[in-house]
Amino acid sequence: MARPRSSISLGSFIYFGIAALLAVYFTFSAVQGDHGLFRRAVIEAEAEALDAELAGLRREVARMENLTRRLSDTYLDLDLLDQQARAVLGMIRADEIVIR
């Protein structure tokens, strides 16, 4: 006797349907989710921007430390002192001409 070919049962169809939906969900989540690939690219770009900003701030701090050291009691840079006095007090020398 030949056994008749059985069709796919409803239970196995539901099982594979749920499995396919879960695979699609997890794939979408891995790409678009809070911890997905696109979010990682955004975080890496933000990290690079913050690293560049940090480098700029470190240069600014080093410049300010240098200026502070040059105006300290142990080391006095007369040119810098002259420049600061002119900028803050608005002073000029007697032999200079001011053009406005």
PDB file of N, CA and C in Angstrom:
ATOM      1  N   MET A   1       0.807  -1.168   0.000  1.00  0.00           N
ATOM      2  CA  MET A   1       0.000   0.000   0.000  1.00  0.00           C
ATOM      3  C   MET A   1       0.867   1.255   0.000  1.00  0.00           C
ATOM      4  N   ALA A   2       0.479   2.123  -0.784  1.00  0.00           N
ATOM      5  CA  ALA A   2       1.206   3.385  -0.873  1.00  0.00           C
ATOM      6  C   ALA A   2       0.638   4.361   0.141  1.00  0.00           C
ATOM      7  N   ARG A   3       1.512   4.916   0.824  1.00  0.00           N
ATOM      8  CA  ARG A   3       1.105   5.860   1.856  1.00  0.00           C
ATOM      9  C   ARG A   3       0.850   7.219   1.198  1.00  0.00           C
ATOM     10  N   PRO A   4      -0.266   7.840   1.476  1.00  0.00           N
ATOM     11  CA  PRO A   4      -0.533   9.119   0.822  1.00  0.00           C
ATOM     12  C   PRO A   4       0.376  10.211   1.395  1.00  0.00           C
ATOM     13  N   ARG A   5       0.735  11.107   0.525  1.00  0.00           N
ATOM     14  CA  ARG A   5       1.617  12.201   0.927  1.00  0.00           C
ATOM     15  C   ARG A   5       0.847  13.134   1.852  1.00  0.00           C
ATOM     16  N   SER A   6       1.447  13.421   3.009  1.00  0.00           N
ATOM     17  CA  SER A   6       0.754  14.268   3.959  1.00  0.00           C
ATOM     18  C   SER A   6       1.171  15.719   3.736  1.00  0.00           C
ATOM     19  N   SER A   7       0.255  16.597   3.931  1.00  0.00           N
ATOM     20  CA  SER A   7       0.561  18.015   3.773  1.00  0.00           C
ATOM     21  C   SER A   7       1.150  18.534   5.089  1.00  0.00           C
ATOM     22  N   ILE A   8       1.697  19.713   5.026  1.00  0.00           N
ATOM     23  CA  ILE A   8       2.301  20.305   6.221  1.00  0.00           C
ATOM     24  C   ILE A   8       1.187  20.600   7.202  1.00  0.00           C
ATOM     25  N   SER A   9       1.411  20.146   8.418  1.00  0.00           N
ATOM     26  CA  SER A   9       0.372  20.355   9.422  1.00  0.00           C
ATOM     27  C   SER A   9       0.363  21.810   9.882  1.00  0.00           C
ATOM     28  N   LEU A  10      -0.727  22.220  10.447  1.00  0.00           N
ATOM     29  CA  LEU A  10      -0.889  23.587  10.907  1.00  0.00           C
ATOM     30  C   LEU A  10       0.098  23.912  12.028  1.00  0.00           C
ATOM     31  N   GLY A  11       0.370  22.973  12.896  1.00  0.00           N
ATOM     32  CA  GLY A  11       1.305  23.193  14.005  1.00  0.00           C
ATOM     33  C   GLY A  11       2.711  23.480  13.524  1.00  0.00           C
ATOM     34  N   SER A  12       3.196  22.714  12.554  1.00  0.00           N
ATOM     35  CA  SER A  12       4.553  22.968  12.050  1.00  0.00           C
ATOM     36  C   SER A  12       4.608  24.280  11.284  1.00  0.00           C
ATOM     37  N   PHE A  13       3.527  24.637  10.587  1.00  0.00           N
ATOM     38  CA  PHE A  13       3.480  25.921   9.895  1.00  0.00           C
ATOM     39  C   PHE A  13       3.564  27.085  10.891  1.00  0.00           C
ATOM     40  N   ILE A  14       2.830  26.989  11.989  1.00  0.00           N
ATOM     41  CA  ILE A  14       2.876  28.020  13.020  1.00  0.00           C
ATOM     42  C   ILE A  14       4.263  28.077  13.655  1.00  0.00           C
ATOM     43  N   TYR A  15       4.859  26.903  13.924  1.00  0.00           N
ATOM     44  CA  TYR A  15       6.194  26.834  14.530  1.00  0.00           C
ATOM     45  C   TYR A  15       7.225  27.538  13.647  1.00  0.00           C
ATOM     46  N   PHE A  16       7.249  27.207  12.355  1.00  0.00           N
ATOM     47  CA  PHE A  16       8.220  27.835  11.462  1.00  0.00           C
ATOM     48  C   PHE A  16       7.896  29.311  11.217  1.00  0.00           C
ATOM     49  N   GLY A  17       6.643  29.669  11.250  1.00  0.00           N
ATOM     50  CA  GLY A  17       6.263  31.076  11.117  1.00  0.00           C
ATOM     51  C   GLY A  17       6.773  31.901  12.287  1.00  0.00           C
ATOM     52  N   ILE A  18       6.585  31.365  13.508  1.00  0.00           N
ATOM     53  CA  ILE A  18       7.086  32.060  14.697  1.00  0.00           C
ATOM     54  C   ILE A  18       8.609  32.141  14.673  1.00  0.00           C
ATOM     55  N   ALA A  19       9.260  31.076  14.272  1.00  0.00           N
ATOM     56  CA  ALA A  19      10.723  31.069  14.187  1.00  0.00           C
ATOM     57  C   ALA A  19      11.214  32.110  13.176  1.00  0.00           C
ATOM     58  N   ALA A  20      10.528  32.226  12.045  1.00  0.00           N
ATOM     59  CA  ALA A  20      10.920  33.212  11.034  1.00  0.00           C
ATOM     60  C   ALA A  20      10.693  34.630  11.554  1.00  0.00           C
ATOM     61  N   LEU A  21       9.580  34.867  12.233  1.00  0.00           N
ATOM     62  CA  LEU A  21       9.327  36.193  12.800  1.00  0.00           C
ATOM     63  C   LEU A  21      10.358  36.556  13.853  1.00  0.00           C
ATOM     64  N   LEU A  22      10.736  35.605  14.695  1.00  0.00           N
ATOM     65  CA  LEU A  22      11.772  35.873  15.693  1.00  0.00           C
ATOM     66  C   LEU A  22      13.113  36.170  15.031  1.00  0.00           C
ATOM     67  N   ALA A  23      13.441  35.457  13.974  1.00  0.00           N
ATOM     68  CA  ALA A  23      14.692  35.714  13.256  1.00  0.00           C
ATOM     69  C   ALA A  23      14.692  37.109  12.655  1.00  0.00           C
ATOM     70  N   VAL A  24      13.564  37.512  12.070  1.00  0.00           N
ATOM     71  CA  VAL A  24      13.466  38.860  11.508  1.00  0.00           C
ATOM     72  C   VAL A  24      13.568  39.912  12.607  1.00  0.00           C
ATOM     73  N   TYR A  25      12.903  39.689  13.729  1.00  0.00           N
ATOM     74  CA  TYR A  25      12.941  40.643  14.838  1.00  0.00           C
ATOM     75  C   TYR A  25      14.362  40.816  15.366  1.00  0.00           C
ATOM     76  N   PHE A  26      15.049  39.704  15.624  1.00  0.00           N
ATOM     77  CA  PHE A  26      16.399  39.797  16.176  1.00  0.00           C
ATOM     78  C   PHE A  26      17.384  40.381  15.164  1.00  0.00           C
ATOM     79  N   THR A  27      17.190  40.111  13.899  1.00  0.00           N
ATOM     80  CA  THR A  27      18.046  40.716  12.877  1.00  0.00           C
ATOM     81  C   THR A  27      17.833  42.220  12.827  1.00  0.00           C
ATOM     82  N   PHE A  28      16.574  42.647  12.835  1.00  0.00           N
ATOM     83  CA  PHE A  28      16.267  44.076  12.850  1.00  0.00           C
ATOM     84  C   PHE A  28      16.834  44.740  14.100  1.00  0.00           C
ATOM     85  N   SER A  29      16.691  44.080  15.239  1.00  0.00           N
ATOM     86  CA  SER A  29      17.197  44.636  16.491  1.00  0.00           C
ATOM     87  C   SER A  29      18.720  44.734  16.473  1.00  0.00           C
ATOM     88  N   ALA A  30      19.391  43.766  15.876  1.00  0.00           N
ATOM     89  CA  ALA A  30      20.854  43.798  15.811  1.00  0.00           C
ATOM     90  C   ALA A  30      21.347  44.932  14.920  1.00  0.00           C
ATOM     91  N   VAL A  31      20.545  45.346  13.964  1.00  0.00           N
ATOM     92  CA  VAL A  31      20.959  46.412  13.054  1.00  0.00           C
ATOM     93  C   VAL A  31      20.472  47.771  13.535  1.00  0.00           C
ATOM     94  N   GLN A  32      19.196  47.877  13.916  1.00  0.00           N
ATOM     95  CA  GLN A  32      18.588  49.165  14.220  1.00  0.00           C
ATOM     96  C   GLN A  32      18.367  49.435  15.703  1.00  0.00           C
ATOM     97  N   GLY A  33      18.570  48.486  16.568  1.00  0.00           N
ATOM     98  CA  GLY A  33      18.217  48.628  17.974  1.00  0.00           C
ATOM     99  C   GLY A  33      19.113  49.578  18.749  1.00  0.00           C
ATOM    100  N   ASP A  34      18.846  49.674  20.052  1.00  0.00           N
ATOM    101  CA  ASP A  34      19.612  50.563  20.930  1.00  0.00           C
ATOM    102  C   ASP A  34      21.095  50.196  20.978  1.00  0.00           C
ATOM    103  N   HIS A  35      21.405  48.939  20.807  1.00  0.00           N
ATOM    104  CA  HIS A  35      22.798  48.474  20.834  1.00  0.00           C
ATOM    105  C   HIS A  35      23.190  47.896  19.477  1.00  0.00           C
ATOM    106  N   GLY A  36      22.536  48.339  18.426  1.00  0.00           N
ATOM    107  CA  GLY A  36      22.756  47.797  17.087  1.00  0.00           C
ATOM    108  C   GLY A  36      23.942  48.427  16.379  1.00  0.00           C
ATOM    109  N   LEU A  37      24.103  48.011  15.132  1.00  0.00           N
ATOM    110  CA  LEU A  37      25.245  48.459  14.338  1.00  0.00           C
ATOM    111  C   LEU A  37      25.190  49.946  14.025  1.00  0.00           C
ATOM    112  N   PHE A  38      24.006  50.457  13.694  1.00  0.00           N
ATOM    113  CA  PHE A  38      23.901  51.884  13.385  1.00  0.00           C
ATOM    114  C   PHE A  38      24.159  52.731  14.617  1.00  0.00           C
ATOM    115  N   ARG A  39      23.670  52.308  15.760  1.00  0.00           N
ATOM    116  CA  ARG A  39      23.910  53.058  17.005  1.00  0.00           C
ATOM    117  C   ARG A  39      25.398  53.048  17.348  1.00  0.00           C
ATOM    118  N   ARG A  40      26.066  51.926  17.074  1.00  0.00           N
ATOM    119  CA  ARG A  40      27.504  51.838  17.335  1.00  0.00           C
ATOM    120  C   ARG A  40      28.275  52.830  16.465  1.00  0.00           C
ATOM    121  N   ALA A  41      27.858  52.966  15.203  1.00  0.00           N
ATOM    122  CA  ALA A  41      28.519  53.924  14.312  1.00  0.00           C
ATOM    123  C   ALA A  41      28.327  55.348  14.825  1.00  0.00           C
ATOM    124  N   VAL A  42      27.138  55.661  15.330  1.00  0.00           N
ATOM    125  CA  VAL A  42      26.876  57.001  15.874  1.00  0.00           C
ATOM    126  C   VAL A  42      27.740  57.243  17.107  1.00  0.00           C
ATOM    127  N   ILE A  43      27.842  56.249  17.965  1.00  0.00           N
ATOM    128  CA  ILE A  43      28.645  56.382  19.188  1.00  0.00           C
ATOM    129  C   ILE A  43      30.127  56.561  18.843  1.00  0.00           C
ATOM    130  N   GLU A  44      30.615  55.831  17.856  1.00  0.00           N
ATOM    131  CA  GLU A  44      32.019  55.974  17.464  1.00  0.00           C
ATOM    132  C   GLU A  44      32.290  57.359  16.878  1.00  0.00           C
ATOM    133  N   ALA A  45      31.344  57.898  16.110  1.00  0.00           N
ATOM    134  CA  ALA A  45      31.517  59.246  15.565  1.00  0.00           C
ATOM    135  C   ALA A  45      31.521  60.281  16.687  1.00  0.00           C
ATOM    136  N   GLU A  46      30.643  60.110  17.666  1.00  0.00           N
ATOM    137  CA  GLU A  46      30.623  61.020  18.812  1.00  0.00           C
ATOM    138  C   GLU A  46      31.925  60.920  19.604  1.00  0.00           C
ATOM    139  N   ALA A  47      32.449  59.708  19.743  1.00  0.00           N
ATOM    140  CA  ALA A  47      33.705  59.513  20.475  1.00  0.00           C
ATOM    141  C   ALA A  47      34.860  60.227  19.765  1.00  0.00           C
ATOM    142  N   GLU A  48      34.900  60.148  18.439  1.00  0.00           N
ATOM    143  CA  GLU A  48      35.959  60.840  17.692  1.00  0.00           C
ATOM    144  C   GLU A  48      35.836  62.352  17.850  1.00  0.00           C
ATOM    145  N   ALA A  49      34.606  62.861  17.812  1.00  0.00           N
ATOM    146  CA  ALA A  49      34.408  64.304  17.988  1.00  0.00           C
ATOM    147  C   ALA A  49      34.826  64.735  19.389  1.00  0.00           C
ATOM    148  N   LEU A  50      34.492  63.934  20.393  1.00  0.00           N
ATOM    149  CA  LEU A  50      34.871  64.276  21.763  1.00  0.00           C
ATOM    150  C   LEU A  50      36.382  64.172  21.969  1.00  0.00           C
ATOM    151  N   ASP A  51      37.027  63.207  21.304  1.00  0.00           N
ATOM    152  CA  ASP A  51      38.488  63.108  21.382  1.00  0.00           C
ATOM    153  C   ASP A  51      39.150  64.347  20.779  1.00  0.00           C
ATOM    154  N   ALA A  52      38.612  64.823  19.651  1.00  0.00           N
ATOM    155  CA  ALA A  52      39.163  66.035  19.031  1.00  0.00           C
ATOM    156  C   ALA A  52      38.954  67.238  19.942  1.00  0.00           C
ATOM    157  N   GLU A  53      37.784  67.319  20.567  1.00  0.00           N
ATOM    158  CA  GLU A  53      37.523  68.423  21.496  1.00  0.00           C
ATOM    159  C   GLU A  53      38.449  68.345  22.706  1.00  0.00           C
ATOM    160  N   LEU A  54      38.687  67.139  23.215  1.00  0.00           N
ATOM    161  CA  LEU A  54      39.597  66.955  24.344  1.00  0.00           C
ATOM    162  C   LEU A  54      41.013  67.383  23.983  1.00  0.00           C
ATOM    163  N   ALA A  55      41.464  67.034  22.785  1.00  0.00           N
ATOM    164  CA  ALA A  55      42.808  67.438  22.356  1.00  0.00           C
ATOM    165  C   ALA A  55      42.912  68.961  22.285  1.00  0.00           C
ATOM    166  N   GLY A  56      41.870  69.614  21.778  1.00  0.00           N
ATOM    167  CA  GLY A  56      41.870  71.077  21.729  1.00  0.00           C
ATOM    168  C   GLY A  56      41.900  71.689  23.115  1.00  0.00           C
ATOM    169  N   LEU A  57      41.123  71.116  24.029  1.00  0.00           N
ATOM    170  CA  LEU A  57      41.125  71.626  25.402  1.00  0.00           C
ATOM    171  C   LEU A  57      42.466  71.408  26.084  1.00  0.00           C
ATOM    172  N   ARG A  58      43.105  70.296  25.808  1.00  0.00           N
ATOM    173  CA  ARG A  58      44.430  70.056  26.398  1.00  0.00           C
ATOM    174  C   ARG A  58      45.450  71.059  25.876  1.00  0.00           C
ATOM    175  N   ARG A  59      45.359  71.393  24.571  1.00  0.00           N
ATOM    176  CA  ARG A  59      46.258  72.417  24.017  1.00  0.00           C
ATOM    177  C   ARG A  59      45.998  73.763  24.680  1.00  0.00           C
ATOM    178  N   GLU A  60      44.735  74.081  24.889  1.00  0.00           N
ATOM    179  CA  GLU A  60      44.386  75.352  25.537  1.00  0.00           C
ATOM    180  C   GLU A  60      44.899  75.390  26.974  1.00  0.00           C
ATOM    181  N   VAL A  61      44.767  74.285  27.700  1.00  0.00           N
ATOM    182  CA  VAL A  61      45.269  74.230  29.077  1.00  0.00           C
ATOM    183  C   VAL A  61      46.786  74.378  29.093  1.00  0.00           C
ATOM    184  N   ALA A  62      47.464  73.734  28.163  1.00  0.00           N
ATOM    185  CA  ALA A  62      48.922  73.855  28.104  1.00  0.00           C
ATOM    186  C   ALA A  62      49.333  75.295  27.808  1.00  0.00           C
ATOM    187  N   ARG A  63      48.601  75.966  26.913  1.00  0.00           N
ATOM    188  CA  ARG A  63      48.899  77.364  26.599  1.00  0.00           C
ATOM    189  C   ARG A  63      48.686  78.249  27.824  1.00  0.00           C
ATOM    190  N   MET A  64      47.582  78.012  28.533  1.00  0.00           N
ATOM    191  CA  MET A  64      47.297  78.807  29.726  1.00  0.00           C
ATOM    192  C   MET A  64      48.330  78.547  30.823  1.00  0.00           C
ATOM    193  N   GLU A  65      48.759  77.296  30.979  1.00  0.00           N
ATOM    194  CA  GLU A  65      49.793  76.985  31.972  1.00  0.00           C
ATOM    195  C   GLU A  65      51.101  77.690  31.618  1.00  0.00           C
ATOM    196  N   ASN A  66      51.419  77.734  30.329  1.00  0.00           N
ATOM    197  CA  ASN A  66      52.632  78.414  29.890  1.00  0.00           C
ATOM    198  C   ASN A  66      52.543  79.909  30.197  1.00  0.00           C
ATOM    199  N   LEU A  67      51.407  80.520  29.892  1.00  0.00           N
ATOM    200  CA  LEU A  67      51.244  81.947  30.200  1.00  0.00           C
ATOM    201  C   LEU A  67      51.307  82.203  31.702  1.00  0.00           C
ATOM    202  N   THR A  68      50.707  81.336  32.483  1.00  0.00           N
ATOM    203  CA  THR A  68      50.741  81.493  33.935  1.00  0.00           C
ATOM    204  C   THR A  68      52.160  81.375  34.458  1.00  0.00           C
ATOM    205  N   ARG A  69      52.905  80.418  33.937  1.00  0.00           N
ATOM    206  CA  ARG A  69      54.288  80.237  34.371  1.00  0.00           C
ATOM    207  C   ARG A  69      55.137  81.446  33.982  1.00  0.00           C
ATOM    208  N   ARG A  70      54.862  81.999  32.807  1.00  0.00           N
ATOM    209  CA  ARG A  70      55.650  83.148  32.344  1.00  0.00           C
ATOM    210  C   ARG A  70      55.357  84.410  33.133  1.00  0.00           C
ATOM    211  N   LEU A  71      54.223  84.478  33.817  1.00  0.00           N
ATOM    212  CA  LEU A  71      53.906  85.637  34.647  1.00  0.00           C
ATOM    213  C   LEU A  71      54.102  85.361  36.137  1.00  0.00           C
ATOM    214  N   SER A  72      54.699  84.234  36.489  1.00  0.00           N
ATOM    215  CA  SER A  72      54.874  83.890  37.899  1.00  0.00           C
ATOM    216  C   SER A  72      56.025  84.680  38.511  1.00  0.00           C
ATOM    217  N   ASP A  73      56.167  84.581  39.828  1.00  0.00           N
ATOM    218  CA  ASP A  73      57.226  85.297  40.541  1.00  0.00           C
ATOM    219  C   ASP A  73      58.605  84.739  40.223  1.00  0.00           C
ATOM    220  N   THR A  74      58.682  83.445  39.928  1.00  0.00           N
ATOM    221  CA  THR A  74      59.986  82.830  39.685  1.00  0.00           C
ATOM    222  C   THR A  74      60.480  83.057  38.263  1.00  0.00           C
ATOM    223  N   TYR A  75      59.572  83.383  37.346  1.00  0.00           N
ATOM    224  CA  TYR A  75      59.955  83.584  35.949  1.00  0.00           C
ATOM    225  C   TYR A  75      59.093  84.713  35.408  1.00  0.00           C
ATOM    226  N   LEU A  76      59.675  85.797  35.037  1.00  0.00           N
ATOM    227  CA  LEU A  76      58.895  86.936  34.569  1.00  0.00           C
ATOM    228  C   LEU A  76      59.306  87.267  33.137  1.00  0.00           C
ATOM    229  N   ASP A  77      58.379  87.155  32.230  1.00  0.00           N
ATOM    230  CA  ASP A  77      58.592  87.495  30.833  1.00  0.00           C
ATOM    231  C   ASP A  77      58.125  88.942  30.642  1.00  0.00           C
ATOM    232  N   LEU A  78      59.054  89.835  30.442  1.00  0.00           N
ATOM    233  CA  LEU A  78      58.721  91.254  30.356  1.00  0.00           C
ATOM    234  C   LEU A  78      57.874  91.584  29.134  1.00  0.00           C
ATOM    235  N   ASP A  79      58.106  90.892  28.037  1.00  0.00           N
ATOM    236  CA  ASP A  79      57.287  91.140  26.852  1.00  0.00           C
ATOM    237  C   ASP A  79      55.833  90.748  27.092  1.00  0.00           C
ATOM    238  N   LEU A  80      55.626  89.625  27.743  1.00  0.00           N
ATOM    239  CA  LEU A  80      54.258  89.196  28.047  1.00  0.00           C
ATOM    240  C   LEU A  80      53.621  90.142  29.056  1.00  0.00           C
ATOM    241  N   LEU A  81      54.388  90.575  30.040  1.00  0.00           N
ATOM    242  CA  LEU A  81      53.862  91.521  31.018  1.00  0.00           C
ATOM    243  C   LEU A  81      53.455  92.834  30.335  1.00  0.00           C
ATOM    244  N   ASP A  82      54.281  93.299  29.415  1.00  0.00           N
ATOM    245  CA  ASP A  82      53.979  94.510  28.663  1.00  0.00           C
ATOM    246  C   ASP A  82      52.707  94.330  27.829  1.00  0.00           C
ATOM    247  N   GLN A  83      52.607  93.196  27.183  1.00  0.00           N
ATOM    248  CA  GLN A  83      51.423  92.903  26.368  1.00  0.00           C
ATOM    249  C   GLN A  83      50.154  92.866  27.224  1.00  0.00           C
ATOM    250  N   GLN A  84      50.209  92.218  28.376  1.00  0.00           N
ATOM    251  CA  GLN A  84      49.043  92.123  29.262  1.00  0.00           C
ATOM    252  C   GLN A  84      48.670  93.489  29.823  1.00  0.00           C
ATOM    253  N   ALA A  85      49.669  94.306  30.197  1.00  0.00           N
ATOM    254  CA  ALA A  85      49.384  95.640  30.716  1.00  0.00           C
ATOM    255  C   ALA A  85      48.717  96.503  29.652  1.00  0.00           C
ATOM    256  N   ARG A  86      49.168  96.394  28.418  1.00  0.00           N
ATOM    257  CA  ARG A  86      48.554  97.157  27.334  1.00  0.00           C
ATOM    258  C   ARG A  86      47.118  96.694  27.092  1.00  0.00           C
ATOM    259  N   ALA A  87      46.890  95.391  27.127  1.00  0.00           N
ATOM    260  CA  ALA A  87      45.551  94.862  26.850  1.00  0.00           C
ATOM    261  C   ALA A  87      44.576  95.200  27.970  1.00  0.00           C
ATOM    262  N   VAL A  88      45.004  95.039  29.211  1.00  0.00           N
ATOM    263  CA  VAL A  88      44.098  95.240  30.344  1.00  0.00           C
ATOM    264  C   VAL A  88      43.923  96.723  30.668  1.00  0.00           C
ATOM    265  N   LEU A  89      45.011  97.456  30.721  1.00  0.00           N
ATOM    266  CA  LEU A  89      44.947  98.846  31.144  1.00  0.00           C
ATOM    267  C   LEU A  89      44.784  99.834  29.997  1.00  0.00           C
ATOM    268  N   GLY A  90      44.985  99.361  28.785  1.00  0.00           N
ATOM    269  CA  GLY A  90      44.861 100.250  27.636  1.00  0.00           C
ATOM    270  C   GLY A  90      45.980 101.254  27.553  1.00  0.00           C
ATOM    271  N   MET A  91      47.153 100.886  28.002  1.00  0.00           N
ATOM    272  CA  MET A  91      48.288 101.813  28.041  1.00  0.00           C
ATOM    273  C   MET A  91      49.086 101.718  26.740  1.00  0.00           C
ATOM    274  N   ILE A  92      49.747 102.829  26.400  1.00  0.00           N
ATOM    275  CA  ILE A  92      50.660 102.843  25.267  1.00  0.00           C
ATOM    276  C   ILE A  92      51.938 103.543  25.701  1.00  0.00           C
ATOM    277  N   ARG A  93      52.985 103.377  24.928  1.00  0.00           N
ATOM    278  CA  ARG A  93      54.245 104.065  25.200  1.00  0.00           C
ATOM    279  C   ARG A  93      54.175 105.485  24.654  1.00  0.00           C
ATOM    280  N   ALA A  94      55.090 106.318  25.136  1.00  0.00           N
ATOM    281  CA  ALA A  94      55.112 107.714  24.708  1.00  0.00           C
ATOM    282  C   ALA A  94      55.527 107.857  23.246  1.00  0.00           C
ATOM    283  N   ASP A  95      56.317 106.900  22.738  1.00  0.00           N
ATOM    284  CA  ASP A  95      56.803 107.013  21.368  1.00  0.00           C
ATOM    285  C   ASP A  95      55.911 106.298  20.354  1.00  0.00           C
ATOM    286  N   GLU A  96      54.737 105.837  20.763  1.00  0.00           N
ATOM    287  CA  GLU A  96      53.834 105.117  19.862  1.00  0.00           C
ATOM    288  C   GLU A  96      52.721 106.043  19.386  1.00  0.00           C
ATOM    289  N   ILE A  97      52.201 105.719  18.204  1.00  0.00           N
ATOM    290  CA  ILE A  97      51.088 106.474  17.628  1.00  0.00           C
ATOM    291  C   ILE A  97      49.891 105.528  17.527  1.00  0.00           C
ATOM    292  N   VAL A  98      48.752 105.989  18.003  1.00  0.00           N
ATOM    293  CA  VAL A  98      47.542 105.176  17.970  1.00  0.00           C
ATOM    294  C   VAL A  98      46.725 105.578  16.766  1.00  0.00           C
ATOM    295  N   ILE A  99      46.365 104.596  15.970  1.00  0.00           N
ATOM    296  CA  ILE A  99      45.540 104.833  14.786  1.00  0.00           C
ATOM    297  C   ILE A  99      44.198 104.156  15.017  1.00  0.00           C
ATOM    298  N   ARG A 100      43.133 104.927  14.912  1.00  0.00           N
ATOM    299  CA  ARG A 100      41.792 104.370  15.122  1.00  0.00           C
ATOM    300  C   ARG A 100      41.036 104.301  13.843  1.00  0.00           C
TER     301      ARG A 100
END
